[in-house]
All heavy atoms as atom14 arrays in JSON, in Angstrom:
{
  "sequence": "AATLRDMPKGALEERLEEEGRFYTFVKPQLRKAL",
  "atom14_mask": [
    [1, 1, 1, 1, 1, 0, 0, 0, 0, 0, 0, 0, 0, 0],
    [1, 1, 1, 1, 1, 0, 0, 0, 0, 0, 0, 0, 0, 0],
    [1, 1, 1, 1, 1, 1, 1, 0, 0, 0, 0, 0, 0, 0],
    [1, 1, 1, 1, 1, 1, 1, 1, 0, 0, 0, 0, 0, 0],
    [1, 1, 1, 1, 1, 1, 1, 1, 1, 1, 1, 0, 0, 0],
    [1, 1, 1, 1, 1, 1, 1, 1, 0, 0, 0, 0, 0, 0],
    [1, 1, 1, 1, 1, 1, 1, 1, 0, 0, 0, 0, 0, 0],
    [1, 1, 1, 1, 1, 1, 1, 0, 0, 0, 0, 0, 0, 0],
    [1, 1, 1, 1, 1, 1, 1, 1, 1, 0, 0, 0, 0, 0],
    [1, 1, 1, 1, 0, 0, 0, 0, 0, 0, 0, 0, 0, 0],
    [1, 1, 1, 1, 1, 0, 0, 0, 0, 0, 0, 0, 0, 0],
    [1, 1, 1, 1, 1, 1, 1, 1, 0, 0, 0, 0, 0, 0],
    [1, 1, 1, 1, 1, 1, 1, 1, 1, 0, 0, 0, 0, 0],
    [1, 1, 1, 1, 1, 1, 1, 1, 1, 0, 0, 0, 0, 0],
    [1, 1, 1, 1, 1, 1, 1, 1, 1, 1, 1, 0, 0, 0],
    [1, 1, 1, 1, 1, 1, 1, 1, 0, 0, 0, 0, 0, 0],
    [1, 1, 1, 1, 1, 1, 1, 1, 1, 0, 0, 0, 0, 0],
    [1, 1, 1, 1, 1, 1, 1, 1, 1, 0, 0, 0, 0, 0],
    [1, 1, 1, 1, 1, 1, 1, 1, 1, 0, 0, 0, 0, 0],
    [1, 1, 1, 1, 0, 0, 0, 0, 0, 0, 0, 0, 0, 0],
    [1, 1, 1, 1, 1, 1, 1, 1, 1, 1, 1, 0, 0, 0],
    [1, 1, 1, 1, 1, 1, 1, 1, 1, 1, 1, 0, 0, 0],
    [1, 1, 1, 1, 1, 1, 1, 1, 1, 1, 1, 1, 0, 0],
    [1, 1, 1, 1, 1, 1, 1, 0, 0, 0, 0, 0, 0, 0],
    [1, 1, 1, 1, 1, 1, 1, 1, 1, 1, 1, 0, 0, 0],
    [1, 1, 1, 1, 1, 1, 1, 0, 0, 0, 0, 0, 0, 0],
    [1, 1, 1, 1, 1, 1, 1, 1, 1, 0, 0, 0, 0, 0],
    [1, 1, 1, 1, 1, 1, 1, 0, 0, 0, 0, 0, 0, 0],
    [1, 1, 1, 1, 1, 1, 1, 1, 1, 0, 0, 0, 0, 0],
    [1, 1, 1, 1, 1, 1, 1, 1, 0, 0, 0, 0, 0, 0],
    [1, 1, 1, 1, 1, 1, 1, 1, 1, 1, 1, 0, 0, 0],
    [1, 1, 1, 1, 1, 1, 1, 1, 1, 0, 0, 0, 0, 0],
    [1, 1, 1, 1, 1, 0, 0, 0, 0, 0, 0, 0, 0, 0],
    [1, 1, 1, 1, 1, 1, 1, 1, 0, 0, 0, 0, 0, 0]
  ],
  "atom14_positions": [
    [[174.17, -77.27, 160.94], [175.54, -76.79, 161.11], [175.55, -75.47, 161.85], [176.38, -75.24, 162.74], [176.21, -76.67, 159.75], [0.0, 0.0, 0.0], [0.0, 0.0, 0.0], [0.0, 0.0, 0.0], [0.0, 0.0, 0.0], [0.0, 0.0, 0.0], [0.0, 0.0, 0.0], [0.0, 0.0, 0.0], [0.0, 0.0, 0.0], [0.0, 0.0, 0.0]],
    [[174.64, -74.56, 161.5], [174.56, -73.27, 162.17], [174.21, -73.46, 163.66], [174.75, -72.77, 164.52], [173.53, -72.38, 161.5], [0.0, 0.0, 0.0], [0.0, 0.0, 0.0], [0.0, 0.0, 0.0], [0.0, 0.0, 0.0], [0.0, 0.0, 0.0], [0.0, 0.0, 0.0], [0.0, 0.0, 0.0], [0.0, 0.0, 0.0], [0.0, 0.0, 0.0]],
    [[173.33, -74.37, 163.93], [172.94, -74.65, 165.33], [174.11, -75.29, 166.08], [174.33, -74.98, 167.26], [171.71, -75.58, 165.37], [170.66, -74.93, 164.6], [171.22, -75.8, 166.79], [0.0, 0.0, 0.0], [0.0, 0.0, 0.0], [0.0, 0.0, 0.0], [0.0, 0.0, 0.0], [0.0, 0.0, 0.0], [0.0, 0.0, 0.0], [0.0, 0.0, 0.0]],
    [[174.86, -76.15, 165.42], [176.02, -76.78, 166.05], [177.03, -75.74, 166.52], [177.61, -75.87, 167.59], [176.66, -77.74, 165.06], [177.75, -78.67, 165.59], [177.18, -79.61, 166.66], [178.35, -79.49, 164.46], [0.0, 0.0, 0.0], [0.0, 0.0, 0.0], [0.0, 0.0, 0.0], [0.0, 0.0, 0.0], [0.0, 0.0, 0.0], [0.0, 0.0, 0.0]],
    [[177.19, -74.66, 165.76], [178.13, -73.58, 166.16], [177.7, -72.92, 167.46], [178.55, -72.36, 168.15], [178.22, -72.54, 165.06], [179.06, -72.96, 163.87], [179.36, -71.81, 162.97], [178.18, -71.24, 162.34], [177.66, -71.63, 161.18], [178.2, -72.61, 160.53], [176.59, -71.04, 160.7], [0.0, 0.0, 0.0], [0.0, 0.0, 0.0], [0.0, 0.0, 0.0]],
    [[176.41, -73.0, 167.8], [175.91, -72.37, 169.03], [176.09, -73.25, 170.27], [175.84, -72.79, 171.38], [174.43, -72.04, 168.88], [174.16, -70.98, 167.86], [175.08, -70.2, 167.54], [173.02, -70.94, 167.35], [0.0, 0.0, 0.0], [0.0, 0.0, 0.0], [0.0, 0.0, 0.0], [0.0, 0.0, 0.0], [0.0, 0.0, 0.0], [0.0, 0.0, 0.0]],
    [[176.53, -74.48, 170.08], [176.66, -75.39, 171.22], [177.93, -75.08, 172.01], [178.85, -74.42, 171.51], [176.71, -76.84, 170.71], [175.42, -77.32, 170.05], [173.97, -77.22, 171.13], [173.06, -75.87, 170.38], [0.0, 0.0, 0.0], [0.0, 0.0, 0.0], [0.0, 0.0, 0.0], [0.0, 0.0, 0.0], [0.0, 0.0, 0.0], [0.0, 0.0, 0.0]],
    [[178.0, -75.54, 173.27], [179.16, -75.24, 174.11], [180.47, -75.7, 173.46], [180.57, -76.84, 172.96], [178.88, -76.02, 175.39], [177.41, -76.2, 175.41], [176.99, -76.31, 173.97], [0.0, 0.0, 0.0], [0.0, 0.0, 0.0], [0.0, 0.0, 0.0], [0.0, 0.0, 0.0], [0.0, 0.0, 0.0], [0.0, 0.0, 0.0], [0.0, 0.0, 0.0]],
    [[181.44, -74.81, 173.47], [182.72, -75.08, 172.84], [183.39, -76.34, 173.4], [183.92, -77.15, 172.66], [183.65, -73.87, 173.03], [184.98, -74.01, 172.36], [185.83, -72.76, 172.56], [187.17, -72.92, 171.93], [188.02, -71.74, 172.12], [0.0, 0.0, 0.0], [0.0, 0.0, 0.0], [0.0, 0.0, 0.0], [0.0, 0.0, 0.0], [0.0, 0.0, 0.0]],
    [[183.33, -76.52, 174.72], [183.94, -77.7, 175.33], [183.34, -79.0, 174.82], [184.05, -79.98, 174.61], [0.0, 0.0, 0.0], [0.0, 0.0, 0.0], [0.0, 0.0, 0.0], [0.0, 0.0, 0.0], [0.0, 0.0, 0.0], [0.0, 0.0, 0.0], [0.0, 0.0, 0.0], [0.0, 0.0, 0.0], [0.0, 0.0, 0.0], [0.0, 0.0, 0.0]],
    [[182.02, -79.0, 174.59], [181.36, -80.21, 174.09], [181.82, -80.51, 172.65], [182.02, -81.7, 172.3], [179.85, -80.06, 174.13], [0.0, 0.0, 0.0], [0.0, 0.0, 0.0], [0.0, 0.0, 0.0], [0.0, 0.0, 0.0], [0.0, 0.0, 0.0], [0.0, 0.0, 0.0], [0.0, 0.0, 0.0], [0.0, 0.0, 0.0], [0.0, 0.0, 0.0]],
    [[182.0, -79.5, 171.84], [182.49, -79.71, 170.48], [183.92, -80.22, 170.51], [184.28, -81.15, 169.77], [182.41, -78.38, 169.7], [181.01, -77.81, 169.49], [181.11, -76.44, 168.82], [180.13, -78.75, 168.67], [0.0, 0.0, 0.0], [0.0, 0.0, 0.0], [0.0, 0.0, 0.0], [0.0, 0.0, 0.0], [0.0, 0.0, 0.0], [0.0, 0.0, 0.0]],
    [[184.72, -79.63, 171.35], [186.13, -80.08, 171.45], [186.24, -81.51, 171.96], [187.09, -82.28, 171.47], [186.92, -79.13, 172.36], [187.1, -77.76, 171.75], [187.67, -76.74, 172.73], [187.55, -76.9, 173.96], [188.23, -75.75, 172.22], [0.0, 0.0, 0.0], [0.0, 0.0, 0.0], [0.0, 0.0, 0.0], [0.0, 0.0, 0.0], [0.0, 0.0, 0.0]],
    [[185.39, -81.9, 172.89], [185.38, -83.29, 173.38], [185.11, -84.27, 172.24], [185.73, -85.33, 172.17], [184.33, -83.48, 174.45], [184.68, -82.92, 175.79], [183.54, -83.06, 176.78], [182.59, -83.83, 176.53], [183.58, -82.36, 177.82], [0.0, 0.0, 0.0], [0.0, 0.0, 0.0], [0.0, 0.0, 0.0], [0.0, 0.0, 0.0], [0.0, 0.0, 0.0]],
    [[184.16, -83.92, 171.35], [183.81, -84.81, 170.26], [184.98, -84.97, 169.28], [185.13, -85.99, 168.64], [182.59, -84.33, 169.51], [181.23, -84.3, 170.23], [181.09, -85.27, 171.35], [179.74, -85.32, 171.88], [179.27, -84.57, 172.88], [180.03, -83.65, 173.43], [178.05, -84.73, 173.33], [0.0, 0.0, 0.0], [0.0, 0.0, 0.0], [0.0, 0.0, 0.0]],
    [[185.81, -83.95, 169.16], [187.0, -84.05, 168.29], [187.98, -85.1, 168.8], [188.73, -85.67, 168.01], [187.72, -82.68, 168.19], [187.14, -81.68, 167.22], [187.86, -80.36, 167.34], [187.2, -82.21, 165.79], [0.0, 0.0, 0.0], [0.0, 0.0, 0.0], [0.0, 0.0, 0.0], [0.0, 0.0, 0.0], [0.0, 0.0, 0.0], [0.0, 0.0, 0.0]],
    [[187.94, -85.36, 170.1], [188.85, -86.34, 170.7], [188.36, -87.76, 170.58], [189.11, -88.71, 170.79], [189.11, -86.0, 172.17], [189.66, -84.6, 172.41], [191.0, -84.38, 171.72], [191.84, -85.31, 171.74], [191.19, -83.29, 171.14], [0.0, 0.0, 0.0], [0.0, 0.0, 0.0], [0.0, 0.0, 0.0], [0.0, 0.0, 0.0], [0.0, 0.0, 0.0]],
    [[187.09, -87.93, 170.25], [186.49, -89.27, 170.14], [187.12, -90.03, 168.98], [187.45, -89.44, 167.95], [185.0, -89.18, 169.92], [184.24, -88.62, 171.1], [184.16, -89.55, 172.28], [184.29, -90.8, 172.08], [183.95, -89.08, 173.41], [0.0, 0.0, 0.0], [0.0, 0.0, 0.0], [0.0, 0.0, 0.0], [0.0, 0.0, 0.0], [0.0, 0.0, 0.0]],
    [[187.27, -91.33, 169.12], [187.95, -92.14, 168.11], [187.03, -93.03, 167.29], [187.48, -93.67, 166.35], [189.01, -93.03, 168.8], [190.13, -92.24, 169.43], [190.93, -91.41, 168.43], [191.1, -91.87, 167.26], [191.35, -90.32, 168.8], [0.0, 0.0, 0.0], [0.0, 0.0, 0.0], [0.0, 0.0, 0.0], [0.0, 0.0, 0.0], [0.0, 0.0, 0.0]],
    [[185.77, -93.11, 167.61], [184.85, -94.01, 166.89], [184.72, -93.65, 165.43], [185.05, -92.54, 164.99], [0.0, 0.0, 0.0], [0.0, 0.0, 0.0], [0.0, 0.0, 0.0], [0.0, 0.0, 0.0], [0.0, 0.0, 0.0], [0.0, 0.0, 0.0], [0.0, 0.0, 0.0], [0.0, 0.0, 0.0], [0.0, 0.0, 0.0], [0.0, 0.0, 0.0]],
    [[184.24, -94.58, 164.63], [184.1, -94.37, 163.18], [183.19, -93.2, 162.85], [183.47, -92.41, 161.97], [183.59, -95.67, 162.54], [183.79, -95.7, 161.05], [183.65, -97.07, 160.52], [182.28, -97.53, 160.63], [181.83, -98.64, 160.08], [182.64, -99.42, 159.41], [180.58, -98.99, 160.21], [0.0, 0.0, 0.0], [0.0, 0.0, 0.0], [0.0, 0.0, 0.0]],
    [[182.09, -93.09, 163.57], [181.18, -91.96, 163.36], [181.87, -90.64, 163.6], [181.77, -89.71, 162.79], [179.94, -92.09, 164.25], [179.04, -90.9, 164.17], [178.27, -90.67, 163.04], [178.95, -90.0, 165.22], [177.44, -89.55, 162.95], [178.13, -88.89, 165.14], [177.36, -88.67, 164.0], [0.0, 0.0, 0.0], [0.0, 0.0, 0.0], [0.0, 0.0, 0.0]],
    [[182.58, -90.52, 164.71], [183.24, -89.25, 165.03], [184.35, -88.92, 164.04], [184.57, -87.76, 163.73], [183.75, -89.26, 166.47], [182.64, -89.2, 167.46], [182.25, -90.33, 168.2], [181.91, -88.03, 167.66], [181.2, -90.27, 169.08], [180.85, -87.96, 168.54], [180.51, -89.07, 169.26], [179.47, -89.02, 170.12], [0.0, 0.0, 0.0], [0.0, 0.0, 0.0]],
    [[185.03, -89.93, 163.52], [186.01, -89.7, 162.48], [185.35, -89.06, 161.27], [185.89, -88.13, 160.66], [186.72, -91.0, 162.11], [187.35, -91.55, 163.27], [187.77, -90.78, 161.02], [0.0, 0.0, 0.0], [0.0, 0.0, 0.0], [0.0, 0.0, 0.0], [0.0, 0.0, 0.0], [0.0, 0.0, 0.0], [0.0, 0.0, 0.0], [0.0, 0.0, 0.0]],
    [[184.17, -89.52, 160.95], [183.44, -88.99, 159.8], [182.97, -87.56, 159.98], [182.96, -86.77, 159.05], [182.25, -89.91, 159.49], [181.47, -89.5, 158.28], [181.93, -89.8, 157.01], [180.28, -88.83, 158.43], [181.22, -89.39, 155.89], [179.56, -88.41, 157.33], [180.01, -88.71, 156.06], [0.0, 0.0, 0.0], [0.0, 0.0, 0.0], [0.0, 0.0, 0.0]],
    [[182.57, -87.21, 161.21], [181.99, -85.88, 161.44], [183.02, -84.83, 161.92], [182.62, -83.69, 162.14], [180.79, -85.92, 162.43], [179.66, -86.78, 161.87], [181.22, -86.41, 163.78], [0.0, 0.0, 0.0], [0.0, 0.0, 0.0], [0.0, 0.0, 0.0], [0.0, 0.0, 0.0], [0.0, 0.0, 0.0], [0.0, 0.0, 0.0], [0.0, 0.0, 0.0]],
    [[184.27, -85.22, 162.07], [185.27, -84.24, 162.54], [185.33, -83.0, 161.66], [185.5, -81.89, 162.21], [186.63, -84.92, 162.69], [186.71, -85.73, 163.95], [188.06, -86.33, 164.19], [187.98, -87.16, 165.47], [189.26, -87.72, 165.85], [0.0, 0.0, 0.0], [0.0, 0.0, 0.0], [0.0, 0.0, 0.0], [0.0, 0.0, 0.0], [0.0, 0.0, 0.0]],
    [[185.21, -83.09, 160.34], [185.21, -81.85, 159.54], [184.1, -80.89, 159.96], [184.32, -79.66, 160.03], [185.06, -82.32, 158.1], [185.6, -83.71, 158.1], [185.23, -84.26, 159.46], [0.0, 0.0, 0.0], [0.0, 0.0, 0.0], [0.0, 0.0, 0.0], [0.0, 0.0, 0.0], [0.0, 0.0, 0.0], [0.0, 0.0, 0.0], [0.0, 0.0, 0.0]],
    [[182.9, -81.39, 160.23], [181.81, -80.53, 160.65], [182.09, -79.92, 162.03], [181.75, -78.77, 162.27], [180.49, -81.32, 160.71], [179.94, -81.68, 159.36], [180.37, -83.07, 158.94], [181.39, -83.61, 159.38], [179.6, -83.7, 158.04], [0.0, 0.0, 0.0], [0.0, 0.0, 0.0], [0.0, 0.0, 0.0], [0.0, 0.0, 0.0], [0.0, 0.0, 0.0]],
    [[182.7, -80.69, 162.92], [183.06, -80.17, 164.22], [184.07, -79.04, 164.1], [183.95, -78.01, 164.76], [183.61, -81.29, 165.11], [182.57, -82.27, 165.64], [183.27, -83.49, 166.21], [181.71, -81.62, 166.71], [0.0, 0.0, 0.0], [0.0, 0.0, 0.0], [0.0, 0.0, 0.0], [0.0, 0.0, 0.0], [0.0, 0.0, 0.0], [0.0, 0.0, 0.0]],
    [[185.08, -79.26, 163.25], [186.1, -78.21, 163.08], [185.48, -76.94, 162.49], [185.82, -75.83, 162.92], [187.21, -78.73, 162.16], [188.1, -79.75, 162.85], [189.3, -80.14, 162.02], [190.02, -81.2, 162.67], [189.99, -82.49, 162.28], [189.26, -82.84, 161.21], [190.64, -83.41, 162.93], [0.0, 0.0, 0.0], [0.0, 0.0, 0.0], [0.0, 0.0, 0.0]],
    [[184.57, -77.09, 161.54], [183.87, -75.91, 160.97], [183.08, -75.19, 162.04], [183.06, -73.97, 162.11], [182.94, -76.31, 159.86], [183.63, -76.62, 158.56], [182.6, -76.96, 157.48], [183.24, -77.47, 156.23], [182.25, -77.89, 155.22], [0.0, 0.0, 0.0], [0.0, 0.0, 0.0], [0.0, 0.0, 0.0], [0.0, 0.0, 0.0], [0.0, 0.0, 0.0]],
    [[182.39, -75.95, 162.89], [181.61, -75.33, 163.96], [182.49, -74.56, 164.92], [182.13, -73.46, 165.36], [180.81, -76.39, 164.7], [0.0, 0.0, 0.0], [0.0, 0.0, 0.0], [0.0, 0.0, 0.0], [0.0, 0.0, 0.0], [0.0, 0.0, 0.0], [0.0, 0.0, 0.0], [0.0, 0.0, 0.0], [0.0, 0.0, 0.0], [0.0, 0.0, 0.0]],
    [[183.65, -75.08, 165.24], [184.55, -74.41, 166.15], [185.15, -73.15, 165.5], [185.34, -72.13, 166.16], [185.66, -75.36, 166.63], [185.21, -76.33, 167.7], [186.22, -77.46, 167.84], [185.0, -75.64, 169.01], [0.0, 0.0, 0.0], [0.0, 0.0, 0.0], [0.0, 0.0, 0.0], [0.0, 0.0, 0.0], [0.0, 0.0, 0.0], [0.0, 0.0, 0.0]]
  ]
}
């Protein structure tokens, strides 16, 4: 999670837009990272 926060902001935001089942599951982690 700490490493995810260091990734490019645009890449994290793109994953929030994904609709697949996996991305739905990980959206809370993405929001925390942002």
